Amino acid sequence: MAETDKGGRRSRRGRGRADNARREVSAAAISQIPWTLPENPDAPTEPLNEEGVQAIHNGAMRILEEIGIEFINEEAKGILKAAGCTVAADSDNVRMDRDFVMEQVTKAPSRFDITPRNPERKVTIGDNRMLFVNVSSPPNCSDLDRGRRVGDQESYRDFIKLTQYFNCIHLAGGYPVEPVDIHASVRHLDCLYDKLTLTDKVVHAYSLGKERVEDVMEMVRIAGGLTHDEFDASPRMFTNINSSSPLKHDLPMLDGAMRLARRGQVVSVTPFTLSGAMAPVTLPGAVMQQTAEGLAAIVLLQVVNAGAPVIYGSFTSNVDMKTGSPAFGTPEYMRATQMSGQMARFYNLPLRSSNACAANYPDSQSAWESAFSLWACVSSRTNVVYHSAGWLEGGLCASYEKFVMDCETLQQMIHYMQPVTTSAGDLAFEAIRDVGPTGHFFGTEHTLERYETAFYAPFLSDWSNFENWEERGSIQTPQRANKIWKQILAEFEPPPTDPSIREELQAFVAKRKEEGGAPTDF
């Protein structure tokens, strides 16, 4: 077990310092970019003019004042009523005055850090930072060899390893595939143990009841070698809650969000507003509803703990009006995300959106829908991109090959966001003069000094000519991705964990399992 000092406080071991430094995973499978926190230097795309932003804001305030939001949580209703909100008798409906809403929203920080068990993996949320999260929560997974199947712990661990391996993935979000072979009452214990020992990145907790949230916070504290006061002093983990659109927040998510907020941990509030189904068919109306639902929960969290770190989440897309199926990577998704960026900046809050697609296979459709989704994230100046790698079927399936394909796209986007400089060397005036109108630049000193790093070098794309590609077997992108993920998993080495920390985590998991874990509904 961990040592204590004379005052009974836990030792500060196990924090990734010199005696427990992070080992870099072997890069033989691919040549990947180094770990970095990208900054988006471009001006955001803004479909709305100033009057449009104000119109959506005013409409959201009218929803909160005149219609109200259902808070299906007695504690939350009591907190808001005590703060001055109107709670209808014998009802879950809560209405809020706009001045009160804005007073609370302005308490939330526009920028904050989250520090995991390895401080070298600390991330900054806000400003023009753009961070990427693995696919989260699909019940199924697939690969070219085994096909589509229900998630299990082995596949869950595989995706956690991929999450750790790729430097373009900054946060380990929810379960990248649900391991249904682990009983629901103890699933969170095994999953977080795997996540905390197979990764050293920031981790996520599901807000699904008291026991799950409290267990995960304790496991993150143990993994970081922290005292309770140290854990509470700054963000160490995050959660995401969704409203039950239209106009509802449910009991377990509100409960979990309040528990994290009280201890200064990060909550992303993301309404699930599909235009034409759970929100108006018009995009301004859908974003207006999204804004009202999101701000309602953010207000609650600021009342619970003023200054608690929160994220304004956007998941507004449209449905196929012929079938009712969700659609992603659409023109509507792109515009709704850009509009959401404008609203997040209006409220001075960080923005979360997603790299999503509706495709059922890692094919061209999946690539273009994800490319459009990702460009929506870039052009909206999103700070946290959920489901950045591996998402298929509108979130019902995590694909091994798609994970690799998405990471190629993420690397290219990170390279794209590098700042452009105009030094003498960048402008290359002398090289242009030396080459003149009849030469070429292949052999110039200017080129030879820079050719190895001048351009992005893909690890997945095949730039060979047709004859060479055909001679090597005409291997297409999903097959190349299949080979890469297998190489990565074969090489994978977990980041170091202090043996006493691992022992304490194991003891905590065993104890909580003996106590029955979390209650489940049957």
Protein backbone atom coordinates (compact mmCIF):
# COMPACT_ATOMS: atom_id res chain seq x y z
CA MET A 1 0.00 0.00 0.00
CA ALA A 2 1.06 3.62 -0.38
CA GLU A 3 3.25 5.15 2.31
CA THR A 4 1.99 7.96 4.54
CA ASP A 5 3.84 10.80 6.21
CA LYS A 6 3.66 11.60 9.90
CA GLY A 7 0.46 13.55 9.37
CA GLY A 8 -1.26 10.55 7.81
CA ARG A 9 -1.23 12.03 4.32
CA ARG A 10 -0.55 9.90 1.27
CA SER A 11 2.85 10.05 -0.34
CA ARG A 12 3.19 12.08 -3.54
CA ARG A 13 4.71 9.15 -5.43
CA GLY A 14 3.66 7.87 -8.80
CA ARG A 15 3.38 11.17 -10.66
CA GLY A 16 5.52 10.51 -13.70
CA ARG A 17 8.63 12.22 -12.31
CA ALA A 18 12.21 11.18 -12.98
CA ASP A 19 11.84 7.84 -11.17
CA ASN A 20 8.64 7.05 -13.03
CA ALA A 21 9.09 8.85 -16.33
CA ARG A 22 6.84 8.00 -19.25
CA ARG A 23 8.36 5.50 -21.65
CA GLU A 24 7.69 6.28 -25.28
CA VAL A 25 5.89 3.46 -27.05
CA SER A 26 7.90 1.96 -29.87
CA ALA A 27 7.19 3.82 -33.10
CA ALA A 28 8.15 1.01 -35.46
CA ALA A 29 4.58 0.42 -36.64
CA ILE A 30 4.23 3.97 -37.96
CA SER A 31 6.06 7.27 -37.94
CA GLN A 32 3.78 9.52 -35.93
CA ILE A 33 3.87 13.13 -34.85
CA PRO A 34 5.13 13.89 -31.33
CA TRP A 35 2.79 14.53 -28.42
CA THR A 36 1.65 18.14 -28.67
CA LEU A 37 -1.36 20.28 -27.73
CA PRO A 38 -2.42 21.76 -31.08
CA GLU A 39 -3.43 25.39 -31.40
CA ASN A 40 -5.85 26.46 -34.11
CA PRO A 41 -4.54 29.75 -35.54
CA ASP A 42 -7.36 30.38 -38.01
CA ALA A 43 -10.25 32.75 -37.60
CA PRO A 44 -13.44 30.70 -37.02
CA THR A 45 -16.19 30.48 -39.61
CA GLU A 46 -19.23 32.42 -38.40
CA PRO A 47 -22.48 31.78 -40.31
CA LEU A 48 -24.41 34.07 -37.96
CA ASN A 49 -24.06 37.83 -37.91
CA GLU A 50 -24.17 39.70 -34.60
CA GLU A 51 -27.94 40.01 -34.79
CA GLY A 52 -28.24 36.26 -35.39
CA VAL A 53 -26.16 35.39 -32.34
CA GLN A 54 -28.26 37.76 -30.25
CA ALA A 55 -31.47 36.26 -31.62
CA ILE A 56 -30.43 32.72 -30.62
CA HIS A 57 -29.30 33.98 -27.21
CA ASN A 58 -32.59 35.80 -26.63
CA GLY A 59 -34.55 32.76 -27.75
CA ALA A 60 -32.60 30.50 -25.39
CA MET A 61 -33.25 32.92 -22.54
CA ARG A 62 -36.97 32.91 -23.37
CA ILE A 63 -36.98 29.10 -23.24
CA LEU A 64 -35.39 29.22 -19.78
CA GLU A 65 -37.69 31.99 -18.56
CA GLU A 66 -41.03 31.07 -20.16
CA ILE A 67 -40.96 27.34 -20.94
CA GLY A 68 -38.42 25.96 -18.49
CA ILE A 69 -36.31 22.82 -18.38
CA GLU A 70 -37.27 19.56 -16.68
CA PHE A 71 -34.78 18.63 -13.95
CA ILE A 72 -35.64 15.05 -13.03
CA ASN A 73 -33.58 15.20 -9.85
CA GLU A 74 -34.96 16.33 -6.51
CA GLU A 75 -31.61 17.55 -5.20
CA ALA A 76 -30.99 19.66 -8.31
CA LYS A 77 -34.47 21.20 -8.08
CA GLY A 78 -33.91 22.02 -4.43
CA ILE A 79 -30.57 23.70 -5.15
CA LEU A 80 -32.02 25.78 -7.97
CA LYS A 81 -35.10 26.74 -5.96
CA ALA A 82 -32.92 27.91 -3.09
CA ALA A 83 -30.90 29.98 -5.59
CA GLY A 84 -34.05 31.80 -6.71
CA CYS A 85 -35.30 29.77 -9.67
CA THR A 86 -39.01 29.01 -10.13
CA VAL A 87 -39.80 25.34 -9.53
CA ALA A 88 -43.35 24.43 -10.43
CA ALA A 89 -45.30 22.67 -7.69
CA ASP A 90 -45.53 18.89 -8.09
CA SER A 91 -43.42 19.16 -11.23
CA ASP A 92 -39.85 18.85 -12.47
CA ASN A 93 -40.11 22.10 -14.42
CA VAL A 94 -37.57 24.79 -13.53
CA ARG A 95 -37.57 28.32 -14.96
CA MET A 96 -34.67 30.77 -14.66
CA ASP A 97 -34.38 34.53 -15.05
CA ARG A 98 -31.91 35.55 -17.78
CA ASP A 99 -29.95 37.86 -15.49
CA PHE A 100 -29.49 34.99 -13.06
CA VAL A 101 -28.42 32.69 -15.91
CA MET A 102 -25.79 35.11 -17.18
CA GLU A 103 -24.54 35.82 -13.67
CA GLN A 104 -23.89 32.11 -13.14
CA VAL A 105 -22.44 31.43 -16.60
CA THR A 106 -19.86 34.20 -16.19
CA LYS A 107 -18.46 32.34 -13.16
CA ALA A 108 -17.30 29.44 -15.32
CA PRO A 109 -13.66 29.59 -16.49
CA SER A 110 -12.96 30.04 -20.19
CA ARG A 111 -9.72 28.04 -19.89
CA PHE A 112 -8.45 25.37 -17.52
CA ASP A 113 -5.98 22.49 -17.32
CA ILE A 114 -6.61 18.81 -16.58
CA THR A 115 -3.67 16.89 -15.11
CA PRO A 116 -3.71 13.07 -15.27
CA ARG A 117 -1.47 10.66 -13.35
CA ASN A 118 1.40 11.57 -15.67
CA PRO A 119 1.84 15.37 -15.50
CA GLU A 120 3.57 15.31 -18.88
CA ARG A 121 0.14 14.49 -20.34
CA LYS A 122 -1.52 17.58 -18.87
CA VAL A 123 -3.93 19.21 -21.32
CA THR A 124 -5.30 22.73 -21.61
CA ILE A 125 -8.97 23.24 -22.50
CA GLY A 126 -9.97 26.58 -23.97
CA ASP A 127 -8.65 29.51 -26.04
CA ASN A 128 -7.59 28.14 -29.42
CA ARG A 129 -6.44 24.73 -28.19
CA MET A 130 -7.90 21.78 -30.09
CA LEU A 131 -7.75 18.37 -28.42
CA PHE A 132 -8.95 14.96 -29.59
CA VAL A 133 -10.76 12.16 -27.73
CA ASN A 134 -11.10 8.51 -28.78
CA VAL A 135 -14.43 7.03 -29.86
CA SER A 136 -16.64 6.51 -26.84
CA SER A 137 -19.58 4.28 -25.89
CA PRO A 138 -20.44 2.07 -28.91
CA PRO A 139 -21.98 -1.29 -27.94
CA ASN A 140 -20.32 -3.03 -30.89
CA CYS A 141 -16.91 -3.18 -32.52
CA SER A 142 -15.57 -4.44 -35.83
CA ASP A 143 -12.46 -5.28 -37.79
CA LEU A 144 -11.83 -6.82 -41.17
CA ASP A 145 -10.84 -10.21 -39.74
CA ARG A 146 -13.59 -10.88 -37.19
CA GLY A 147 -16.37 -8.71 -38.56
CA ARG A 148 -18.93 -6.88 -36.41
CA ARG A 149 -19.48 -8.19 -32.90
CA VAL A 150 -20.69 -7.18 -29.45
CA GLY A 151 -18.00 -5.46 -27.38
CA ASP A 152 -15.94 -7.39 -24.82
CA GLN A 153 -13.08 -6.62 -22.46
CA GLU A 154 -10.39 -7.82 -24.84
CA SER A 155 -11.59 -5.43 -27.55
CA TYR A 156 -12.02 -2.66 -24.98
CA ARG A 157 -8.38 -3.10 -23.98
CA ASP A 158 -7.30 -3.06 -27.61
CA PHE A 159 -8.90 0.32 -28.17
CA ILE A 160 -7.44 1.69 -24.94
CA LYS A 161 -4.01 0.64 -26.18
CA LEU A 162 -4.62 2.41 -29.49
CA THR A 163 -5.74 5.47 -27.52
CA GLN A 164 -2.50 5.45 -25.57
CA TYR A 165 -0.31 4.77 -28.60
CA PHE A 166 -1.43 7.60 -30.85
CA ASN A 167 0.00 10.97 -29.87
CA CYS A 168 -2.83 12.72 -31.74
CA ILE A 169 -5.31 11.42 -29.13
CA HIS A 170 -5.14 13.62 -26.04
CA LEU A 171 -7.85 12.31 -23.72
CA ALA A 172 -9.11 8.80 -22.99
CA GLY A 173 -12.85 9.29 -23.15
CA GLY A 174 -15.65 6.90 -22.33
CA TYR A 175 -15.42 3.19 -23.06
CA PRO A 176 -14.28 2.97 -26.71
CA VAL A 177 -16.46 -0.11 -26.88
CA GLU A 178 -18.78 -1.36 -24.15
CA PRO A 179 -17.36 -4.59 -22.66
CA VAL A 180 -20.64 -6.40 -22.11
CA ASP A 181 -18.89 -9.55 -20.88
CA ILE A 182 -18.27 -7.69 -17.59
CA HIS A 183 -21.32 -7.42 -15.33
CA ALA A 184 -22.74 -3.90 -15.32
CA SER A 185 -22.42 -3.59 -11.53
CA VAL A 186 -18.62 -3.85 -11.63
CA ARG A 187 -17.87 -2.91 -15.24
CA HIS A 188 -16.71 0.57 -14.29
CA LEU A 189 -14.17 -0.88 -11.84
CA ASP A 190 -12.51 -3.18 -14.36
CA CYS A 191 -12.69 -0.62 -17.14
CA LEU A 192 -11.11 2.17 -15.12
CA TYR A 193 -8.44 -0.15 -13.81
CA ASP A 194 -7.56 -1.07 -17.39
CA LYS A 195 -7.70 2.56 -18.47
CA LEU A 196 -5.54 3.81 -15.60
CA THR A 197 -2.88 1.15 -16.12
CA LEU A 198 -2.87 0.96 -19.94
CA THR A 199 -2.85 4.76 -20.40
CA ASP A 200 -1.38 7.75 -18.64
CA LYS A 201 -3.70 10.26 -20.32
CA VAL A 202 -6.65 12.16 -18.86
CA VAL A 203 -9.56 9.77 -18.22
CA HIS A 204 -13.33 10.04 -18.20
CA ALA A 205 -16.07 8.91 -15.81
CA TYR A 206 -19.64 8.12 -16.81
CA SER A 207 -22.20 10.08 -14.80
CA LEU A 208 -24.42 7.08 -14.20
CA GLY A 209 -25.14 7.04 -10.50
CA LYS A 210 -23.42 7.80 -7.22
CA GLU A 211 -21.35 4.63 -6.93
CA ARG A 212 -19.80 4.78 -10.39
CA VAL A 213 -18.81 8.42 -10.11
CA GLU A 214 -17.44 8.14 -6.58
CA ASP A 215 -15.51 4.96 -7.45
CA VAL A 216 -13.90 6.50 -10.51
CA MET A 217 -12.91 9.67 -8.67
CA GLU A 218 -11.27 7.57 -5.97
CA MET A 219 -9.43 5.43 -8.53
CA VAL A 220 -8.15 8.52 -10.36
CA ARG A 221 -6.98 9.93 -7.04
CA ILE A 222 -5.17 6.71 -6.18
CA ALA A 223 -3.59 6.44 -9.62
CA GLY A 224 -2.24 9.98 -9.33
CA GLY A 225 -0.76 9.39 -5.88
CA LEU A 226 -2.87 12.27 -4.56
CA THR A 227 -4.35 13.24 -1.25
CA HIS A 228 -8.05 14.08 -1.25
CA ASP A 229 -7.21 17.77 -0.95
CA GLU A 230 -4.81 17.56 -3.89
CA PHE A 231 -7.43 15.84 -6.03
CA ASP A 232 -10.01 18.51 -5.19
CA ALA A 233 -7.58 21.38 -5.80
CA SER A 234 -7.51 21.13 -9.60
CA PRO A 235 -9.09 19.14 -12.45
CA ARG A 236 -7.82 15.56 -12.82
CA MET A 237 -10.58 13.97 -14.93
CA PHE A 238 -13.78 14.78 -16.79
CA THR A 239 -17.27 13.61 -17.59
CA ASN A 240 -19.85 14.33 -20.26
CA ILE A 241 -23.57 14.57 -19.64
CA ASN A 242 -26.31 14.70 -22.26
CA SER A 243 -29.71 16.26 -21.88
CA SER A 244 -32.66 14.06 -22.75
CA SER A 245 -33.85 16.35 -25.49
CA PRO A 246 -36.22 18.02 -25.74
CA LEU A 247 -35.86 20.11 -22.58
CA LYS A 248 -34.98 17.48 -19.95
CA HIS A 249 -32.02 16.56 -17.73
CA ASP A 250 -32.26 13.17 -16.03
CA LEU A 251 -31.46 12.01 -12.51
CA PRO A 252 -28.21 9.99 -12.79
CA MET A 253 -26.41 12.41 -15.10
CA LEU A 254 -27.29 15.42 -12.96
CA ASP A 255 -26.23 13.51 -9.85
CA GLY A 256 -22.86 12.59 -11.35
CA ALA A 257 -22.26 16.06 -12.75
CA MET A 258 -22.92 17.68 -9.38
CA ARG A 259 -20.58 15.25 -7.63
CA LEU A 260 -17.75 16.08 -10.00
CA ALA A 261 -18.46 19.81 -9.90
CA ARG A 262 -18.31 19.84 -6.09
CA ARG A 263 -14.78 18.46 -6.32
CA GLY A 264 -13.68 20.81 -9.07
CA GLN A 265 -13.66 18.23 -11.86
CA VAL A 266 -14.63 18.92 -15.46
CA VAL A 267 -18.16 18.49 -16.82
CA SER A 268 -19.03 18.76 -20.51
CA VAL A 269 -22.75 19.45 -21.00
CA THR A 270 -23.87 18.22 -24.43
CA PRO A 271 -27.53 18.26 -25.46
CA PHE A 272 -28.43 15.55 -27.97
CA THR A 273 -30.45 17.74 -30.30
CA LEU A 274 -31.11 16.03 -33.63
CA SER A 275 -32.81 18.57 -35.86
CA GLY A 276 -36.14 17.26 -37.09
CA ALA A 277 -36.49 14.73 -34.26
CA MET A 278 -35.60 15.97 -30.77
CA ALA A 279 -35.19 19.59 -31.87
CA PRO A 280 -36.75 21.91 -34.46
CA VAL A 281 -36.13 21.10 -38.11
CA THR A 282 -34.56 24.56 -38.54
CA LEU A 283 -30.90 24.83 -37.51
CA PRO A 284 -31.23 28.15 -35.63
CA GLY A 285 -34.10 26.66 -33.65
CA ALA A 286 -32.13 23.50 -32.89
CA VAL A 287 -29.06 25.47 -31.77
CA MET A 288 -31.29 27.73 -29.68
CA GLN A 289 -32.78 24.70 -27.91
CA GLN A 290 -29.32 23.18 -27.51
CA THR A 291 -28.13 26.41 -25.91
CA ALA A 292 -31.01 26.56 -23.44
CA GLU A 293 -30.59 22.93 -22.41
CA GLY A 294 -26.83 23.26 -22.03
CA LEU A 295 -26.89 26.53 -20.09
CA ALA A 296 -29.52 25.19 -17.70
CA ALA A 297 -27.16 22.46 -16.47
CA ILE A 298 -24.15 24.78 -16.50
CA VAL A 299 -26.08 27.18 -14.26
CA LEU A 300 -26.80 24.36 -11.83
CA LEU A 301 -23.13 23.38 -11.67
CA GLN A 302 -22.04 26.97 -11.02
CA VAL A 303 -24.57 27.23 -8.20
CA VAL A 304 -23.17 23.99 -6.77
CA ASN A 305 -19.57 25.23 -7.04
CA ALA A 306 -18.88 28.67 -8.48
CA GLY A 307 -16.02 28.46 -10.95
CA ALA A 308 -16.39 24.74 -11.60
CA PRO A 309 -14.84 23.93 -15.02
CA VAL A 310 -17.50 23.24 -17.66
CA ILE A 311 -17.67 22.84 -21.43
CA TYR A 312 -20.48 23.92 -23.75
CA GLY A 313 -21.20 20.83 -25.83
CA SER A 314 -22.66 20.69 -29.34
CA PHE A 315 -24.16 17.58 -30.90
CA THR A 316 -26.73 19.14 -33.17
CA SER A 317 -27.11 17.35 -36.47
CA ASN A 318 -30.07 16.30 -38.60
CA VAL A 319 -31.97 13.12 -39.28
CA ASP A 320 -32.87 11.37 -42.50
CA MET A 321 -36.47 12.53 -42.80
CA LYS A 322 -37.34 9.37 -44.76
CA THR A 323 -36.19 6.93 -42.05
CA GLY A 324 -35.57 8.97 -38.89
CA SER A 325 -31.97 7.74 -38.77
CA PRO A 326 -29.33 10.20 -37.49
CA ALA A 327 -27.07 11.72 -40.13
CA PHE A 328 -23.57 13.10 -39.54
CA GLY A 329 -20.96 14.87 -41.59
CA THR A 330 -23.77 16.67 -43.38
CA PRO A 331 -23.89 20.32 -44.46
CA GLU A 332 -26.36 20.84 -41.61
CA TYR A 333 -23.98 19.28 -39.09
CA MET A 334 -21.19 21.54 -40.28
CA ARG A 335 -23.27 24.70 -40.03
CA ALA A 336 -24.78 23.77 -36.66
CA THR A 337 -21.30 23.14 -35.25
CA GLN A 338 -20.02 26.47 -36.56
CA MET A 339 -23.04 28.25 -35.08
CA SER A 340 -22.43 26.45 -31.79
CA GLY A 341 -18.89 27.79 -31.83
CA GLN A 342 -20.29 31.30 -32.06
CA MET A 343 -22.55 30.67 -29.08
CA ALA A 344 -19.74 29.15 -27.00
CA ARG A 345 -17.61 32.22 -27.65
CA PHE A 346 -20.58 34.49 -26.84
CA TYR A 347 -20.75 32.87 -23.39
CA ASN A 348 -16.94 32.66 -23.11
CA LEU A 349 -17.02 28.89 -22.65
CA PRO A 350 -14.90 26.11 -24.20
CA LEU A 351 -16.62 24.14 -26.97
CA ARG A 352 -17.00 20.39 -27.43
CA SER A 353 -18.17 18.82 -30.69
CA SER A 354 -17.62 15.49 -32.47
CA ASN A 355 -16.00 13.72 -35.41
CA ALA A 356 -18.99 11.63 -36.43
CA CYS A 357 -20.23 9.67 -39.43
CA ALA A 358 -23.22 7.49 -40.30
CA ALA A 359 -21.31 5.02 -42.50
CA ASN A 360 -21.45 1.30 -41.69
CA TYR A 361 -17.99 0.39 -42.99
CA PRO A 362 -14.57 2.12 -43.09
CA ASP A 363 -15.11 3.15 -46.69
CA SER A 364 -15.22 6.35 -48.71
CA GLN A 365 -18.49 7.46 -47.10
CA SER A 366 -16.97 7.13 -43.64
CA ALA A 367 -13.94 9.12 -44.78
CA TRP A 368 -15.81 12.04 -46.32
CA GLU A 369 -18.40 12.27 -43.54
CA SER A 370 -15.66 12.27 -40.91
CA ALA A 371 -13.62 14.76 -42.91
CA PHE A 372 -16.60 17.12 -43.07
CA SER A 373 -17.29 16.60 -39.35
CA LEU A 374 -13.68 17.27 -38.48
CA TRP A 375 -13.59 20.36 -40.66
CA ALA A 376 -16.69 21.59 -38.83
CA CYS A 377 -14.73 21.18 -35.60
CA VAL A 378 -11.74 23.07 -36.97
CA SER A 379 -13.74 25.88 -38.54
CA SER A 380 -15.88 26.32 -35.40
CA ARG A 381 -12.74 26.48 -33.22
CA THR A 382 -13.82 23.47 -31.20
CA ASN A 383 -11.64 22.86 -28.13
CA VAL A 384 -12.48 19.20 -27.44
CA VAL A 385 -13.36 16.82 -30.29
CA TYR A 386 -15.19 13.72 -29.08
CA HIS A 387 -15.19 10.47 -31.07
CA SER A 388 -12.13 11.64 -32.98
CA ALA A 389 -11.01 8.15 -33.97
CA GLY A 390 -12.91 4.93 -34.58
CA TRP A 391 -16.57 5.95 -34.86
CA LEU A 392 -18.92 4.12 -37.26
CA GLU A 393 -22.68 3.57 -37.66
CA GLY A 394 -23.68 6.81 -35.99
CA GLY A 395 -21.91 5.70 -32.82
CA LEU A 396 -23.12 2.10 -32.67
CA CYS A 397 -19.79 0.57 -33.67
CA ALA A 398 -16.09 1.16 -32.99
CA SER A 399 -13.88 0.14 -35.91
CA TYR A 400 -10.23 -0.84 -35.54
CA GLU A 401 -9.47 0.20 -39.11
CA LYS A 402 -11.43 3.44 -38.85
CA PHE A 403 -9.47 4.30 -35.70
CA VAL A 404 -6.23 4.17 -37.69
CA MET A 405 -7.75 5.99 -40.66
CA ASP A 406 -9.03 8.78 -38.41
CA CYS A 407 -5.66 9.17 -36.72
CA GLU A 408 -4.09 9.74 -40.12
CA THR A 409 -6.62 12.53 -40.68
CA LEU A 410 -6.03 13.97 -37.21
CA GLN A 411 -2.28 14.05 -37.75
CA GLN A 412 -2.75 15.87 -41.03
CA MET A 413 -5.07 18.39 -39.40
CA ILE A 414 -2.61 18.99 -36.57
CA HIS A 415 0.14 19.53 -39.14
CA TYR A 416 -2.18 21.90 -41.02
CA MET A 417 -2.61 24.01 -37.86
CA GLN A 418 1.11 24.66 -37.48
CA PRO A 419 1.85 28.40 -37.59
CA VAL A 420 3.00 29.88 -40.88
CA THR A 421 6.18 31.97 -40.58
CA THR A 422 7.76 34.35 -43.07
CA SER A 423 11.45 34.43 -42.17
CA ALA A 424 14.08 34.93 -44.84
CA GLY A 425 14.51 31.16 -44.99
CA ASP A 426 10.77 30.66 -45.43
CA LEU A 427 10.55 33.19 -48.24
CA ALA A 428 13.54 31.61 -50.06
CA PHE A 429 14.32 34.68 -52.14
CA GLU A 430 17.95 33.66 -52.71
CA ALA A 431 16.93 30.16 -53.77
CA ILE A 432 14.49 31.62 -56.30
CA ARG A 433 17.23 33.89 -57.67
CA ASP A 434 19.72 30.99 -57.92
CA VAL A 435 17.30 28.71 -59.76
CA GLY A 436 16.01 31.36 -62.12
CA PRO A 437 13.51 30.70 -64.90
CA THR A 438 15.09 27.53 -66.32
CA GLY A 439 16.14 25.40 -63.31
CA HIS A 440 14.40 23.41 -60.59
CA PHE A 441 14.52 23.29 -56.81
CA PHE A 442 15.16 19.58 -56.19
CA GLY A 443 18.89 19.91 -55.72
CA THR A 444 19.22 23.37 -54.24
CA GLU A 445 20.85 23.85 -50.86
CA HIS A 446 17.62 25.41 -49.61
CA THR A 447 15.67 22.23 -50.48
CA LEU A 448 18.32 19.81 -49.24
CA GLU A 449 18.38 21.52 -45.84
CA ARG A 450 14.62 21.13 -45.43
CA TYR A 451 13.30 18.26 -47.53
CA GLU A 452 13.01 15.75 -44.68
CA THR A 453 10.66 17.94 -42.65
CA ALA A 454 9.20 20.32 -45.25
CA PHE A 455 5.98 18.38 -45.82
CA TYR A 456 3.69 16.11 -43.85
CA ALA A 457 4.57 12.44 -44.40
CA PRO A 458 1.51 10.16 -44.10
CA PHE A 459 1.73 6.77 -42.42
CA LEU A 460 -1.41 5.37 -44.08
CA SER A 461 -1.80 7.02 -47.48
CA ASP A 462 -0.17 5.28 -50.44
CA TRP A 463 1.41 7.81 -52.82
CA SER A 464 2.97 5.28 -55.20
CA ASN A 465 1.97 5.18 -58.85
CA PHE A 466 -0.65 2.76 -60.10
CA GLU A 467 1.79 0.17 -61.43
CA ASN A 468 3.72 -0.05 -58.16
CA TRP A 469 0.51 -0.12 -56.14
CA GLU A 470 -0.86 -2.90 -58.33
CA GLU A 471 2.37 -4.87 -58.17
CA ARG A 472 2.24 -4.81 -54.35
CA GLY A 473 -1.24 -6.35 -54.35
CA SER A 474 -3.58 -3.38 -54.93
CA ILE A 475 -4.01 -2.99 -51.17
CA GLN A 476 -6.71 -0.46 -50.29
CA THR A 477 -6.84 1.84 -47.29
CA PRO A 478 -8.84 -0.37 -44.85
CA GLN A 479 -6.46 -3.29 -45.49
CA ARG A 480 -3.43 -1.07 -44.85
CA ALA A 481 -5.07 0.19 -41.64
CA ASN A 482 -5.74 -3.42 -40.63
CA LYS A 483 -2.05 -4.23 -40.84
CA ILE A 484 -1.07 -1.14 -38.86
CA TRP A 485 -3.36 -1.69 -35.87
CA LYS A 486 -2.10 -5.25 -35.58
CA GLN A 487 1.50 -4.02 -35.54
CA ILE A 488 0.67 -1.42 -32.92
CA LEU A 489 -0.98 -3.92 -30.58
CA ALA A 490 1.87 -6.41 -31.07
CA GLU A 491 4.41 -3.76 -30.04
CA PHE A 492 2.39 -2.10 -27.30
CA GLU A 493 3.98 -1.50 -23.91
CA PRO A 494 1.86 0.09 -21.18
CA PRO A 495 3.14 3.24 -19.51
CA PRO A 496 4.85 2.64 -16.17
CA THR A 497 2.79 2.41 -12.99
CA ASP A 498 4.30 2.51 -9.52
CA PRO A 499 3.88 -1.05 -8.12
CA SER A 500 2.39 0.25 -4.87
CA ILE A 501 -0.12 2.35 -6.82
CA ARG A 502 -1.11 -0.68 -8.89
CA GLU A 503 -1.50 -2.71 -5.70
CA GLU A 504 -3.69 -0.05 -4.13
CA LEU A 505 -5.88 0.14 -7.23
CA GLN A 506 -6.26 -3.65 -7.24
CA ALA A 507 -7.20 -3.62 -3.56
CA PHE A 508 -9.79 -0.90 -4.12
CA VAL A 509 -11.36 -2.77 -7.05
CA ALA A 510 -11.47 -6.02 -5.07
CA LYS A 511 -13.07 -4.30 -2.08
CA ARG A 512 -15.73 -2.59 -4.16
CA LYS A 513 -16.55 -5.84 -5.94
CA GLU A 514 -17.01 -7.55 -2.59
CA GLU A 515 -19.42 -4.75 -1.67
CA GLY A 516 -21.42 -5.36 -4.85
CA GLY A 517 -20.20 -2.47 -6.99
CA ALA A 518 -22.95 -0.24 -8.36
CA PRO A 519 -26.65 -1.16 -8.23
CA THR A 520 -28.27 -2.10 -11.53
CA ASP A 521 -31.88 -2.08 -12.67
CA PHE A 522 -33.39 -5.43 -13.59
